[in-house]
């Protein structure tokens, strides 16, 4: 599965998401794009967009995009707070479908 990490997600989190193919927004060359434009581009090349932006489900009509959004809910977006969510994230990715928003929280 191809995962795109939002700018607000630490790059190091990608190492914990093996065996998935993980890339950051910066690596894709899309830094600074707003969510709508970013989701449009991401849907062309990725299966899941991983973010900590809890408002994305209200700001964007996710069903209009051919991508699943995984919203991580932790105390901060620091790797120490996000890494405990990885097992749950990996579990929900198995059934991820385009147009879904998956909330992953402790």
C-alpha atoms as a PDB file:
ATOM      1  CA  UNK A   1       0.000   0.000   0.000  1.00  0.00           C
ATOM      2  CA  UNK A   2       1.283   3.502  -0.817  1.00  0.00           C
ATOM      3  CA  UNK A   3       1.072   5.983   2.074  1.00  0.00           C
ATOM      4  CA  UNK A   4       1.599   9.744   1.934  1.00  0.00           C
ATOM      5  CA  UNK A   5       2.562  11.476   5.189  1.00  0.00           C
ATOM      6  CA  UNK A   6       1.231  15.006   5.651  1.00  0.00           C
ATOM      7  CA  UNK A   7       3.661  17.840   6.385  1.00  0.00           C
ATOM      8  CA  UNK A   8       2.598  17.818  10.032  1.00  0.00           C
ATOM      9  CA  UNK A   9       3.539  14.132  10.489  1.00  0.00           C
ATOM     10  CA  UNK A  10       7.172  13.394  11.400  1.00  0.00           C
ATOM     11  CA  UNK A  11       9.105  11.735   8.576  1.00  0.00           C
ATOM     12  CA  UNK A  12      10.463   9.189  11.064  1.00  0.00           C
ATOM     13  CA  UNK A  13       6.974   7.720  11.456  1.00  0.00           C
ATOM     14  CA  UNK A  14       7.321   6.325   7.945  1.00  0.00           C
ATOM     15  CA  UNK A  15      10.048   3.932   9.106  1.00  0.00           C
ATOM     16  CA  UNK A  16       7.569   2.347  11.506  1.00  0.00           C
ATOM     17  CA  UNK A  17       5.018   1.649   8.770  1.00  0.00           C
ATOM     18  CA  UNK A  18       6.854  -1.169   6.988  1.00  0.00           C
ATOM     19  CA  UNK A  19       6.111  -3.003   4.743  1.00  0.00           C
ATOM     20  CA  UNK A  20       4.116  -0.139   3.217  1.00  0.00           C
ATOM     21  CA  UNK A  21       5.655   2.226   0.669  1.00  0.00           C
ATOM     22  CA  UNK A  22       5.788   5.563   2.515  1.00  0.00           C
ATOM     23  CA  UNK A  23       6.600   9.008   1.176  1.00  0.00           C
ATOM     24  CA  UNK A  24       6.245  12.467   2.703  1.00  0.00           C
ATOM     25  CA  UNK A  25       4.506  15.445   1.119  1.00  0.00           C
ATOM     26  CA  UNK A  26       7.919  17.126   0.895  1.00  0.00           C
ATOM     27  CA  UNK A  27       9.484  14.125  -0.858  1.00  0.00           C
ATOM     28  CA  UNK A  28       6.626  14.163  -3.367  1.00  0.00           C
ATOM     29  CA  UNK A  29       7.373  17.839  -4.062  1.00  0.00           C
ATOM     30  CA  UNK A  30       3.976  19.016  -2.824  1.00  0.00           C
ATOM     31  CA  UNK A  31       5.012  21.047   0.218  1.00  0.00           C
ATOM     32  CA  UNK A  32       2.755  24.014   0.864  1.00  0.00           C
ATOM     33  CA  UNK A  33      -0.255  22.698  -1.075  1.00  0.00           C
ATOM     34  CA  UNK A  34      -3.609  23.156   0.647  1.00  0.00           C
ATOM     35  CA  UNK A  35      -5.656  20.072   1.555  1.00  0.00           C
ATOM     36  CA  UNK A  36      -7.979  20.072  -1.484  1.00  0.00           C
ATOM     37  CA  UNK A  37      -5.160  20.355  -4.019  1.00  0.00           C
ATOM     38  CA  UNK A  38      -3.005  17.991  -2.003  1.00  0.00           C
ATOM     39  CA  UNK A  39      -5.715  15.319  -1.824  1.00  0.00           C
ATOM     40  CA  UNK A  40      -6.354  15.615  -5.557  1.00  0.00           C
ATOM     41  CA  UNK A  41      -2.699  14.993  -6.353  1.00  0.00           C
ATOM     42  CA  UNK A  42      -2.261  12.354  -3.656  1.00  0.00           C
ATOM     43  CA  UNK A  43      -5.224  10.341  -4.949  1.00  0.00           C
ATOM     44  CA  UNK A  44      -3.414   9.879  -8.258  1.00  0.00           C
ATOM     45  CA  UNK A  45      -0.420   8.115  -6.694  1.00  0.00           C
ATOM     46  CA  UNK A  46      -1.274   6.997  -3.143  1.00  0.00           C
ATOM     47  CA  UNK A  47      -3.781   4.793  -1.357  1.00  0.00           C
ATOM     48  CA  UNK A  48      -3.779   6.532   2.038  1.00  0.00           C
ATOM     49  CA  UNK A  49      -3.057  10.063   3.239  1.00  0.00           C
ATOM     50  CA  UNK A  50      -1.818  10.052   6.853  1.00  0.00           C
ATOM     51  CA  UNK A  51      -2.356  13.261   8.832  1.00  0.00           C
ATOM     52  CA  UNK A  52      -2.842  14.592  12.357  1.00  0.00           C
ATOM     53  CA  UNK A  53      -5.304  17.211  11.084  1.00  0.00           C
ATOM     54  CA  UNK A  54      -8.513  16.286  12.911  1.00  0.00           C
ATOM     55  CA  UNK A  55     -10.485  18.914  11.006  1.00  0.00           C
ATOM     56  CA  UNK A  56      -9.838  17.458   7.562  1.00  0.00           C
ATOM     57  CA  UNK A  57     -13.036  15.395   7.672  1.00  0.00           C
ATOM     58  CA  UNK A  58     -15.036  18.602   8.124  1.00  0.00           C
ATOM     59  CA  UNK A  59     -13.028  20.791   5.759  1.00  0.00           C
ATOM     60  CA  UNK A  60     -12.945  18.394   2.803  1.00  0.00           C
ATOM     61  CA  UNK A  61     -15.495  16.104   1.168  1.00  0.00           C
ATOM     62  CA  UNK A  62     -13.289  13.018   1.447  1.00  0.00           C
ATOM     63  CA  UNK A  63     -15.695  10.777  -0.503  1.00  0.00           C
ATOM     64  CA  UNK A  64     -14.954  12.944  -3.549  1.00  0.00           C
ATOM     65  CA  UNK A  65     -11.329  11.785  -3.541  1.00  0.00           C
ATOM     66  CA  UNK A  66     -10.023   8.400  -4.600  1.00  0.00           C
ATOM     67  CA  UNK A  67      -7.940   8.066  -1.446  1.00  0.00           C
ATOM     68  CA  UNK A  68      -8.405   7.024   2.174  1.00  0.00           C
ATOM     69  CA  UNK A  69      -7.468   9.494   4.932  1.00  0.00           C
ATOM     70  CA  UNK A  70      -6.025   8.221   8.211  1.00  0.00           C
ATOM     71  CA  UNK A  71      -6.261  10.894  10.922  1.00  0.00           C
ATOM     72  CA  UNK A  72      -3.973  10.205  13.874  1.00  0.00           C
ATOM     73  CA  UNK A  73      -5.189  11.620  17.185  1.00  0.00           C
ATOM     74  CA  UNK A  74      -2.429  12.029  19.759  1.00  0.00           C
ATOM     75  CA  UNK A  75      -1.482  14.585  22.397  1.00  0.00           C
ATOM     76  CA  UNK A  76       1.048  16.146  20.010  1.00  0.00           C
ATOM     77  CA  UNK A  77       2.437  15.392  16.569  1.00  0.00           C
ATOM     78  CA  UNK A  78       5.767  14.380  18.101  1.00  0.00           C
ATOM     79  CA  UNK A  79       7.058  10.934  17.196  1.00  0.00           C
ATOM     80  CA  UNK A  80       6.920   9.833  20.850  1.00  0.00           C
ATOM     81  CA  UNK A  81       3.170  10.506  20.932  1.00  0.00           C
ATOM     82  CA  UNK A  82       2.403   9.119  17.456  1.00  0.00           C
ATOM     83  CA  UNK A  83       4.467   5.927  17.508  1.00  0.00           C
ATOM     84  CA  UNK A  84       2.130   4.139  19.995  1.00  0.00           C
ATOM     85  CA  UNK A  85      -0.644   4.545  17.386  1.00  0.00           C
ATOM     86  CA  UNK A  86       1.271   2.612  14.712  1.00  0.00           C
ATOM     87  CA  UNK A  87      -0.043  -0.890  15.571  1.00  0.00           C
ATOM     88  CA  UNK A  88      -3.647   0.355  15.390  1.00  0.00           C
ATOM     89  CA  UNK A  89      -2.911   2.253  12.163  1.00  0.00           C
ATOM     90  CA  UNK A  90      -1.408  -0.830  10.542  1.00  0.00           C
ATOM     91  CA  UNK A  91      -4.467  -2.827  11.599  1.00  0.00           C
ATOM     92  CA  UNK A  92      -7.018  -0.409  10.098  1.00  0.00           C
ATOM     93  CA  UNK A  93      -5.026  -0.024   6.878  1.00  0.00           C
ATOM     94  CA  UNK A  94      -5.885  -3.617   6.001  1.00  0.00           C
ATOM     95  CA  UNK A  95      -9.484  -2.584   5.277  1.00  0.00           C
ATOM     96  CA  UNK A  96      -8.827   0.979   4.068  1.00  0.00           C
ATOM     97  CA  UNK A  97     -11.015   2.096   1.180  1.00  0.00           C
ATOM     98  CA  UNK A  98     -11.018   5.283  -0.923  1.00  0.00           C
ATOM     99  CA  UNK A  99     -13.319   7.964   0.431  1.00  0.00           C
ATOM    100  CA  UNK A 100     -12.999   6.829   4.049  1.00  0.00           C
ATOM    101  CA  UNK A 101     -11.650   8.764   6.994  1.00  0.00           C
ATOM    102  CA  UNK A 102     -10.089   6.458   9.546  1.00  0.00           C
ATOM    103  CA  UNK A 103      -9.574   8.000  12.984  1.00  0.00           C
ATOM    104  CA  UNK A 104      -6.720   6.366  14.876  1.00  0.00           C
ATOM    105  CA  UNK A 105      -6.545   7.322  18.547  1.00  0.00           C
ATOM    106  CA  UNK A 106      -5.111   5.970  21.762  1.00  0.00           C
END
